[in-house]
Amino acid sequence: MFRTMLRHAKKHPGLIPQFLFLLLGMSGASLYLIRLARGPHVSWDRRNNPEPWNKLDPTYQYKLVAINTDYKHLKKEGPDF
């Protein structure tokens, strides 16, 4: 596949930015999927920690980008299990 891409890029240099953006998009999507798989709501080890979301602080930032929320001053509203 990469040989074909290189061969086409040599013949048509205008395809080089398209290939770069394609690789950039694929790597960004892969990194985001890895981030989602390592999140607190995913349980990979059910024997040692079946509910990992119960051990999180109320100051844990769940969102990728939190613009207006200050997580440092949040108080816990639920009981401890």
PDB file of N, CA and C in Angstrom:
ATOM      1  N   MET A   1       0.811  -1.181   0.000  1.00  0.00           N
ATOM      2  CA  MET A   1       0.000   0.000   0.000  1.00  0.00           C
ATOM      3  C   MET A   1       0.861   1.255   0.000  1.00  0.00           C
ATOM      4  N   PHE A   2       1.902   1.254   0.841  1.00  0.00           N
ATOM      5  CA  PHE A   2       2.760   2.432   0.899  1.00  0.00           C
ATOM      6  C   PHE A   2       3.599   2.574  -0.364  1.00  0.00           C
ATOM      7  N   ARG A   3       3.958   1.449  -0.954  1.00  0.00           N
ATOM      8  CA  ARG A   3       4.698   1.525  -2.222  1.00  0.00           C
ATOM      9  C   ARG A   3       3.839   2.147  -3.311  1.00  0.00           C
ATOM     10  N   THR A   4       2.580   1.770  -3.333  1.00  0.00           N
ATOM     11  CA  THR A   4       1.656   2.338  -4.321  1.00  0.00           C
ATOM     12  C   THR A   4       1.479   3.832  -4.082  1.00  0.00           C
ATOM     13  N   MET A   5       1.370   4.239  -2.801  1.00  0.00           N
ATOM     14  CA  MET A   5       1.234   5.658  -2.491  1.00  0.00           C
ATOM     15  C   MET A   5       2.478   6.430  -2.923  1.00  0.00           C
ATOM     16  N   LEU A   6       3.652   5.859  -2.669  1.00  0.00           N
ATOM     17  CA  LEU A   6       4.890   6.535  -3.071  1.00  0.00           C
ATOM     18  C   LEU A   6       5.011   6.618  -4.595  1.00  0.00           C
ATOM     19  N   ARG A   7       4.608   5.576  -5.270  1.00  0.00           N
ATOM     20  CA  ARG A   7       4.672   5.582  -6.727  1.00  0.00           C
ATOM     21  C   ARG A   7       3.734   6.638  -7.313  1.00  0.00           C
ATOM     22  N   HIS A   8       2.522   6.730  -6.763  1.00  0.00           N
ATOM     23  CA  HIS A   8       1.580   7.740  -7.241  1.00  0.00           C
ATOM     24  C   HIS A   8       2.052   9.145  -6.881  1.00  0.00           C
ATOM     25  N   ALA A   9       2.684   9.298  -5.703  1.00  0.00           N
ATOM     26  CA  ALA A   9       3.168  10.612  -5.294  1.00  0.00           C
ATOM     27  C   ALA A   9       4.307  11.078  -6.190  1.00  0.00           C
ATOM     28  N   LYS A  10       5.127  10.142  -6.676  1.00  0.00           N
ATOM     29  CA  LYS A  10       6.206  10.522  -7.587  1.00  0.00           C
ATOM     30  C   LYS A  10       5.661  10.953  -8.948  1.00  0.00           C
ATOM     31  N   LYS A  11       4.610  10.269  -9.392  1.00  0.00           N
ATOM     32  CA  LYS A  11       4.025  10.626 -10.684  1.00  0.00           C
ATOM     33  C   LYS A  11       3.205  11.901 -10.601  1.00  0.00           C
ATOM     34  N   HIS A  12       2.460  12.084  -9.502  1.00  0.00           N
ATOM     35  CA  HIS A  12       1.569  13.225  -9.336  1.00  0.00           C
ATOM     36  C   HIS A  12       1.896  13.916  -8.009  1.00  0.00           C
ATOM     37  N   PRO A  13       2.779  14.914  -7.984  1.00  0.00           N
ATOM     38  CA  PRO A  13       3.193  15.549  -6.729  1.00  0.00           C
ATOM     39  C   PRO A  13       2.054  16.279  -6.006  1.00  0.00           C
ATOM     40  N   GLY A  14       0.969  16.573  -6.703  1.00  0.00           N
ATOM     41  CA  GLY A  14      -0.162  17.222  -6.049  1.00  0.00           C
ATOM     42  C   GLY A  14      -0.894  16.317  -5.071  1.00  0.00           C
ATOM     43  N   LEU A  15      -0.620  15.018  -5.115  1.00  0.00           N
ATOM     44  CA  LEU A  15      -1.256  14.082  -4.196  1.00  0.00           C
ATOM     45  C   LEU A  15      -0.560  14.007  -2.839  1.00  0.00           C
ATOM     46  N   ILE A  16       0.624  14.578  -2.721  1.00  0.00           N
ATOM     47  CA  ILE A  16       1.396  14.489  -1.473  1.00  0.00           C
ATOM     48  C   ILE A  16       0.637  15.118  -0.304  1.00  0.00           C
ATOM     49  N   PRO A  17       0.060  16.331  -0.415  1.00  0.00           N
ATOM     50  CA  PRO A  17      -0.701  16.864   0.723  1.00  0.00           C
ATOM     51  C   PRO A  17      -1.915  16.007   1.087  1.00  0.00           C
ATOM     52  N   GLN A  18      -2.549  15.415   0.092  1.00  0.00           N
ATOM     53  CA  GLN A  18      -3.692  14.560   0.373  1.00  0.00           C
ATOM     54  C   GLN A  18      -3.261  13.333   1.172  1.00  0.00           C
ATOM     55  N   PHE A  19      -2.139  12.735   0.822  1.00  0.00           N
ATOM     56  CA  PHE A  19      -1.636  11.587   1.562  1.00  0.00           C
ATOM     57  C   PHE A  19      -1.239  11.988   2.979  1.00  0.00           C
ATOM     58  N   LEU A  20      -0.654  13.175   3.144  1.00  0.00           N
ATOM     59  CA  LEU A  20      -0.261  13.636   4.474  1.00  0.00           C
ATOM     60  C   LEU A  20      -1.486  13.857   5.364  1.00  0.00           C
ATOM     61  N   PHE A  21      -2.522  14.497   4.810  1.00  0.00           N
ATOM     62  CA  PHE A  21      -3.731  14.716   5.601  1.00  0.00           C
ATOM     63  C   PHE A  21      -4.447  13.401   5.901  1.00  0.00           C
ATOM     64  N   LEU A  22      -4.378  12.467   4.994  1.00  0.00           N
ATOM     65  CA  LEU A  22      -4.964  11.151   5.225  1.00  0.00           C
ATOM     66  C   LEU A  22      -4.265  10.447   6.381  1.00  0.00           C
ATOM     67  N   LEU A  23      -2.933  10.470   6.387  1.00  0.00           N
ATOM     68  CA  LEU A  23      -2.178   9.845   7.468  1.00  0.00           C
ATOM     69  C   LEU A  23      -2.386  10.585   8.786  1.00  0.00           C
ATOM     70  N   LEU A  24      -2.491  11.903   8.730  1.00  0.00           N
ATOM     71  CA  LEU A  24      -2.743  12.685   9.933  1.00  0.00           C
ATOM     72  C   LEU A  24      -4.110  12.346  10.531  1.00  0.00           C
ATOM     73  N   GLY A  25      -5.117  12.226   9.685  1.00  0.00           N
ATOM     74  CA  GLY A  25      -6.452  11.868  10.167  1.00  0.00           C
ATOM     75  C   GLY A  25      -6.506  10.472  10.733  1.00  0.00           C
ATOM     76  N   MET A  26      -5.842   9.534  10.087  1.00  0.00           N
ATOM     77  CA  MET A  26      -5.832   8.160  10.586  1.00  0.00           C
ATOM     78  C   MET A  26      -5.103   8.064  11.924  1.00  0.00           C
ATOM     79  N   SER A  27      -3.993   8.768  12.076  1.00  0.00           N
ATOM     80  CA  SER A  27      -3.267   8.721  13.347  1.00  0.00           C
ATOM     81  C   SER A  27      -4.050   9.431  14.446  1.00  0.00           C
ATOM     82  N   GLY A  28      -4.719  10.538  14.136  1.00  0.00           N
ATOM     83  CA  GLY A  28      -5.530  11.216  15.138  1.00  0.00           C
ATOM     84  C   GLY A  28      -6.692  10.361  15.605  1.00  0.00           C
ATOM     85  N   ALA A  29      -7.351   9.684  14.674  1.00  0.00           N
ATOM     86  CA  ALA A  29      -8.455   8.802  15.039  1.00  0.00           C
ATOM     87  C   ALA A  29      -7.956   7.631  15.887  1.00  0.00           C
ATOM     88  N   SER A  30      -6.806   7.097  15.560  1.00  0.00           N
ATOM     89  CA  SER A  30      -6.244   5.992  16.340  1.00  0.00           C
ATOM     90  C   SER A  30      -5.886   6.436  17.754  1.00  0.00           C
ATOM     91  N   LEU A  31      -5.271   7.607  17.890  1.00  0.00           N
ATOM     92  CA  LEU A  31      -4.924   8.100  19.220  1.00  0.00           C
ATOM     93  C   LEU A  31      -6.173   8.379  20.058  1.00  0.00           C
ATOM     94  N   TYR A  32      -7.224   8.885  19.430  1.00  0.00           N
ATOM     95  CA  TYR A  32      -8.461   9.150  20.168  1.00  0.00           C
ATOM     96  C   TYR A  32      -9.126   7.844  20.608  1.00  0.00           C
ATOM     97  N   LEU A  33      -9.085   6.817  19.778  1.00  0.00           N
ATOM     98  CA  LEU A  33      -9.635   5.518  20.180  1.00  0.00           C
ATOM     99  C   LEU A  33      -8.841   4.898  21.325  1.00  0.00           C
ATOM    100  N   ILE A  34      -7.524   5.092  21.315  1.00  0.00           N
ATOM    101  CA  ILE A  34      -6.699   4.611  22.422  1.00  0.00           C
ATOM    102  C   ILE A  34      -7.052   5.360  23.699  1.00  0.00           C
ATOM    103  N   ARG A  35      -7.275   6.676  23.585  1.00  0.00           N
ATOM    104  CA  ARG A  35      -7.659   7.475  24.744  1.00  0.00           C
ATOM    105  C   ARG A  35      -9.007   7.015  25.295  1.00  0.00           C
ATOM    106  N   LEU A  36      -9.954   6.718  24.425  1.00  0.00           N
ATOM    107  CA  LEU A  36     -11.253   6.236  24.880  1.00  0.00           C
ATOM    108  C   LEU A  36     -11.141   4.869  25.544  1.00  0.00           C
ATOM    109  N   ALA A  37     -10.280   4.016  25.038  1.00  0.00           N
ATOM    110  CA  ALA A  37     -10.132   2.671  25.591  1.00  0.00           C
ATOM    111  C   ALA A  37      -9.463   2.693  26.957  1.00  0.00           C
ATOM    112  N   ARG A  38      -8.709   3.742  27.261  1.00  0.00           N
ATOM    113  CA  ARG A  38      -8.027   3.826  28.545  1.00  0.00           C
ATOM    114  C   ARG A  38      -8.781   4.693  29.545  1.00  0.00           C
ATOM    115  N   GLY A  39     -10.000   5.090  29.227  1.00  0.00           N
ATOM    116  CA  GLY A  39     -10.785   5.972  30.077  1.00  0.00           C
ATOM    117  C   GLY A  39     -11.267   5.295  31.349  1.00  0.00           C
ATOM    118  N   PRO A  40     -11.831   6.088  32.271  1.00  0.00           N
ATOM    119  CA  PRO A  40     -12.255   5.535  33.558  1.00  0.00           C
ATOM    120  C   PRO A  40     -13.541   4.715  33.470  1.00  0.00           C
ATOM    121  N   HIS A  41     -14.285   4.818  32.415  1.00  0.00           N
ATOM    122  CA  HIS A  41     -15.542   4.098  32.295  1.00  0.00           C
ATOM    123  C   HIS A  41     -15.382   2.744  31.613  1.00  0.00           C
ATOM    124  N   VAL A  42     -14.162   2.374  31.252  1.00  0.00           N
ATOM    125  CA  VAL A  42     -13.890   1.098  30.591  1.00  0.00           C
ATOM    126  C   VAL A  42     -13.184   0.182  31.580  1.00  0.00           C
ATOM    127  N   SER A  43     -13.685  -1.019  31.745  1.00  0.00           N
ATOM    128  CA  SER A  43     -13.100  -1.973  32.676  1.00  0.00           C
ATOM    129  C   SER A  43     -12.483  -3.122  31.890  1.00  0.00           C
ATOM    130  N   TRP A  44     -11.161  -3.183  31.863  1.00  0.00           N
ATOM    131  CA  TRP A  44     -10.452  -4.258  31.174  1.00  0.00           C
ATOM    132  C   TRP A  44     -10.143  -5.410  32.130  1.00  0.00           C
ATOM    133  N   ASP A  45     -10.014  -5.110  33.414  1.00  0.00           N
ATOM    134  CA  ASP A  45      -9.668  -6.110  34.422  1.00  0.00           C
ATOM    135  C   ASP A  45     -10.832  -6.225  35.403  1.00  0.00           C
ATOM    136  N   ARG A  46     -11.695  -7.210  35.201  1.00  0.00           N
ATOM    137  CA  ARG A  46     -12.897  -7.330  36.033  1.00  0.00           C
ATOM    138  C   ARG A  46     -12.619  -7.994  37.373  1.00  0.00           C
ATOM    139  N   ARG A  47     -11.518  -8.682  37.514  1.00  0.00           N
ATOM    140  CA  ARG A  47     -11.243  -9.375  38.771  1.00  0.00           C
ATOM    141  C   ARG A  47     -10.733  -8.415  39.839  1.00  0.00           C
ATOM    142  N   ASN A  48      -9.769  -7.584  39.498  1.00  0.00           N
ATOM    143  CA  ASN A  48      -9.149  -6.704  40.490  1.00  0.00           C
ATOM    144  C   ASN A  48      -9.923  -5.405  40.707  1.00  0.00           C
ATOM    145  N   ASN A  49     -10.500  -4.855  39.643  1.00  0.00           N
ATOM    146  CA  ASN A  49     -11.194  -3.579  39.763  1.00  0.00           C
ATOM    147  C   ASN A  49     -12.422  -3.594  38.849  1.00  0.00           C
ATOM    148  N   PRO A  50     -13.539  -4.178  39.294  1.00  0.00           N
ATOM    149  CA  PRO A  50     -14.691  -4.304  38.405  1.00  0.00           C
ATOM    150  C   PRO A  50     -15.404  -2.980  38.134  1.00  0.00           C
ATOM    151  N   GLU A  51     -15.287  -2.007  39.036  1.00  0.00           N
ATOM    152  CA  GLU A  51     -15.940  -0.706  38.849  1.00  0.00           C
ATOM    153  C   GLU A  51     -14.920   0.412  39.063  1.00  0.00           C
ATOM    154  N   PRO A  52     -14.093   0.700  38.076  1.00  0.00           N
ATOM    155  CA  PRO A  52     -13.025   1.697  38.272  1.00  0.00           C
ATOM    156  C   PRO A  52     -13.544   3.122  38.410  1.00  0.00           C
ATOM    157  N   TRP A  53     -14.767   3.397  37.964  1.00  0.00           N
ATOM    158  CA  TRP A  53     -15.288   4.760  38.025  1.00  0.00           C
ATOM    159  C   TRP A  53     -15.638   5.172  39.455  1.00  0.00           C
ATOM    160  N   ASN A  54     -15.750   4.212  40.375  1.00  0.00           N
ATOM    161  CA  ASN A  54     -16.049   4.559  41.763  1.00  0.00           C
ATOM    162  C   ASN A  54     -14.837   5.112  42.503  1.00  0.00           C
ATOM    163  N   LYS A  55     -13.652   4.905  41.985  1.00  0.00           N
ATOM    164  CA  LYS A  55     -12.438   5.368  42.654  1.00  0.00           C
ATOM    165  C   LYS A  55     -11.974   6.740  42.162  1.00  0.00           C
ATOM    166  N   LEU A  56     -12.751   7.390  41.335  1.00  0.00           N
ATOM    167  CA  LEU A  56     -12.345   8.686  40.799  1.00  0.00           C
ATOM    168  C   LEU A  56     -12.727   9.817  41.742  1.00  0.00           C
ATOM    169  N   ASP A  57     -11.897  10.833  41.771  1.00  0.00           N
ATOM    170  CA  ASP A  57     -12.185  12.031  42.551  1.00  0.00           C
ATOM    171  C   ASP A  57     -13.249  12.859  41.857  1.00  0.00           C
ATOM    172  N   PRO A  58     -13.931  13.731  42.602  1.00  0.00           N
ATOM    173  CA  PRO A  58     -14.865  14.640  41.934  1.00  0.00           C
ATOM    174  C   PRO A  58     -14.147  15.702  41.112  1.00  0.00           C
ATOM    175  N   THR A  59     -12.837  15.834  41.301  1.00  0.00           N
ATOM    176  CA  THR A  59     -12.072  16.825  40.539  1.00  0.00           C
ATOM    177  C   THR A  59     -11.499  16.252  39.256  1.00  0.00           C
ATOM    178  N   TYR A  60     -11.816  14.978  38.950  1.00  0.00           N
ATOM    179  CA  TYR A  60     -11.297  14.366  37.725  1.00  0.00           C
ATOM    180  C   TYR A  60     -11.989  14.979  36.504  1.00  0.00           C
ATOM    181  N   GLN A  61     -11.196  15.374  35.526  1.00  0.00           N
ATOM    182  CA  GLN A  61     -11.738  15.996  34.318  1.00  0.00           C
ATOM    183  C   GLN A  61     -12.111  14.907  33.324  1.00  0.00           C
ATOM    184  N   TYR A  62     -13.408  14.721  33.108  1.00  0.00           N
ATOM    185  CA  TYR A  62     -13.893  13.683  32.218  1.00  0.00           C
ATOM    186  C   TYR A  62     -13.803  14.094  30.762  1.00  0.00           C
ATOM    187  N   LYS A  63     -14.021  15.352  30.486  1.00  0.00           N
ATOM    188  CA  LYS A  63     -14.060  15.820  29.109  1.00  0.00           C
ATOM    189  C   LYS A  63     -12.659  15.985  28.550  1.00  0.00           C
ATOM    190  N   LEU A  64     -12.555  15.934  27.237  1.00  0.00           N
ATOM    191  CA  LEU A  64     -11.270  16.165  26.587  1.00  0.00           C
ATOM    192  C   LEU A  64     -10.863  17.622  26.757  1.00  0.00           C
ATOM    193  N   VAL A  65     -11.808  18.532  26.565  1.00  0.00           N
ATOM    194  CA  VAL A  65     -11.568  19.957  26.747  1.00  0.00           C
ATOM    195  C   VAL A  65     -12.706  20.511  27.594  1.00  0.00           C
ATOM    196  N   ALA A  66     -12.375  21.090  28.735  1.00  0.00           N
ATOM    197  CA  ALA A  66     -13.374  21.718  29.603  1.00  0.00           C
ATOM    198  C   ALA A  66     -13.076  23.213  29.638  1.00  0.00           C
ATOM    199  N   ILE A  67     -13.882  23.999  28.969  1.00  0.00           N
ATOM    200  CA  ILE A  67     -13.599  25.421  28.822  1.00  0.00           C
ATOM    201  C   ILE A  67     -14.044  26.209  30.048  1.00  0.00           C
ATOM    202  N   ASN A  68     -15.278  26.038  30.482  1.00  0.00           N
ATOM    203  CA  ASN A  68     -15.819  26.864  31.557  1.00  0.00           C
ATOM    204  C   ASN A  68     -15.895  26.164  32.903  1.00  0.00           C
ATOM    205  N   THR A  69     -15.559  24.913  32.989  1.00  0.00           N
ATOM    206  CA  THR A  69     -15.709  24.162  34.227  1.00  0.00           C
ATOM    207  C   THR A  69     -14.387  24.130  34.980  1.00  0.00           C
ATOM    208  N   ASP A  70     -14.426  24.557  36.243  1.00  0.00           N
ATOM    209  CA  ASP A  70     -13.248  24.493  37.099  1.00  0.00           C
ATOM    210  C   ASP A  70     -13.396  23.263  37.993  1.00  0.00           C
ATOM    211  N   TYR A  71     -12.699  22.206  37.689  1.00  0.00           N
ATOM    212  CA  TYR A  71     -12.848  20.943  38.385  1.00  0.00           C
ATOM    213  C   TYR A  71     -12.187  20.941  39.764  1.00  0.00           C
ATOM    214  N   LYS A  72     -11.372  21.934  40.059  1.00  0.00           N
ATOM    215  CA  LYS A  72     -10.678  21.966  41.346  1.00  0.00           C
ATOM    216  C   LYS A  72     -11.624  22.301  42.500  1.00  0.00           C
ATOM    217  N   HIS A  73     -12.673  23.042  42.230  1.00  0.00           N
ATOM    218  CA  HIS A  73     -13.559  23.504  43.286  1.00  0.00           C
ATOM    219  C   HIS A  73     -14.872  22.726  43.350  1.00  0.00           C
ATOM    220  N   LEU A  74     -14.982  21.620  42.666  1.00  0.00           N
ATOM    221  CA  LEU A  74     -16.195  20.803  42.722  1.00  0.00           C
ATOM    222  C   LEU A  74     -16.235  19.991  44.013  1.00  0.00           C
ATOM    223  N   LYS A  75     -17.431  19.792  44.527  1.00  0.00           N
ATOM    224  CA  LYS A  75     -17.601  18.975  45.730  1.00  0.00           C
ATOM    225  C   LYS A  75     -18.272  17.659  45.336  1.00  0.00           C
ATOM    226  N   LYS A  76     -17.949  16.634  46.058  1.00  0.00           N
ATOM    227  CA  LYS A  76     -18.534  15.327  45.779  1.00  0.00           C
ATOM    228  C   LYS A  76     -19.981  15.312  46.265  1.00  0.00           C
ATOM    229  N   GLU A  77     -20.895  14.857  45.424  1.00  0.00           N
ATOM    230  CA  GLU A  77     -22.309  14.862  45.762  1.00  0.00           C
ATOM    231  C   GLU A  77     -22.854  13.490  46.114  1.00  0.00           C
ATOM    232  N   GLY A  78     -22.091  12.457  45.910  1.00  0.00           N
ATOM    233  CA  GLY A  78     -22.581  11.111  46.150  1.00  0.00           C
ATOM    234  C   GLY A  78     -21.884  10.456  47.317  1.00  0.00           C
ATOM    235  N   PRO A  79     -22.390   9.307  47.747  1.00  0.00           N
ATOM    236  CA  PRO A  79     -21.771   8.594  48.872  1.00  0.00           C
ATOM    237  C   PRO A  79     -20.513   7.844  48.431  1.00  0.00           C
ATOM    238  N   ASP A  80     -19.668   7.528  49.415  1.00  0.00           N
ATOM    239  CA  ASP A  80     -18.487   6.715  49.145  1.00  0.00           C
ATOM    240  C   ASP A  80     -18.874   5.245  49.237  1.00  0.00           C
ATOM    241  N   PHE A  81     -18.435   4.449  48.282  1.00  0.00           N
ATOM    242  CA  PHE A  81     -18.720   3.026  48.292  1.00  0.00           C
ATOM    243  C   PHE A  81     -17.486   2.269  48.677  1.00  0.00           C
TER     244      PHE A  81
END
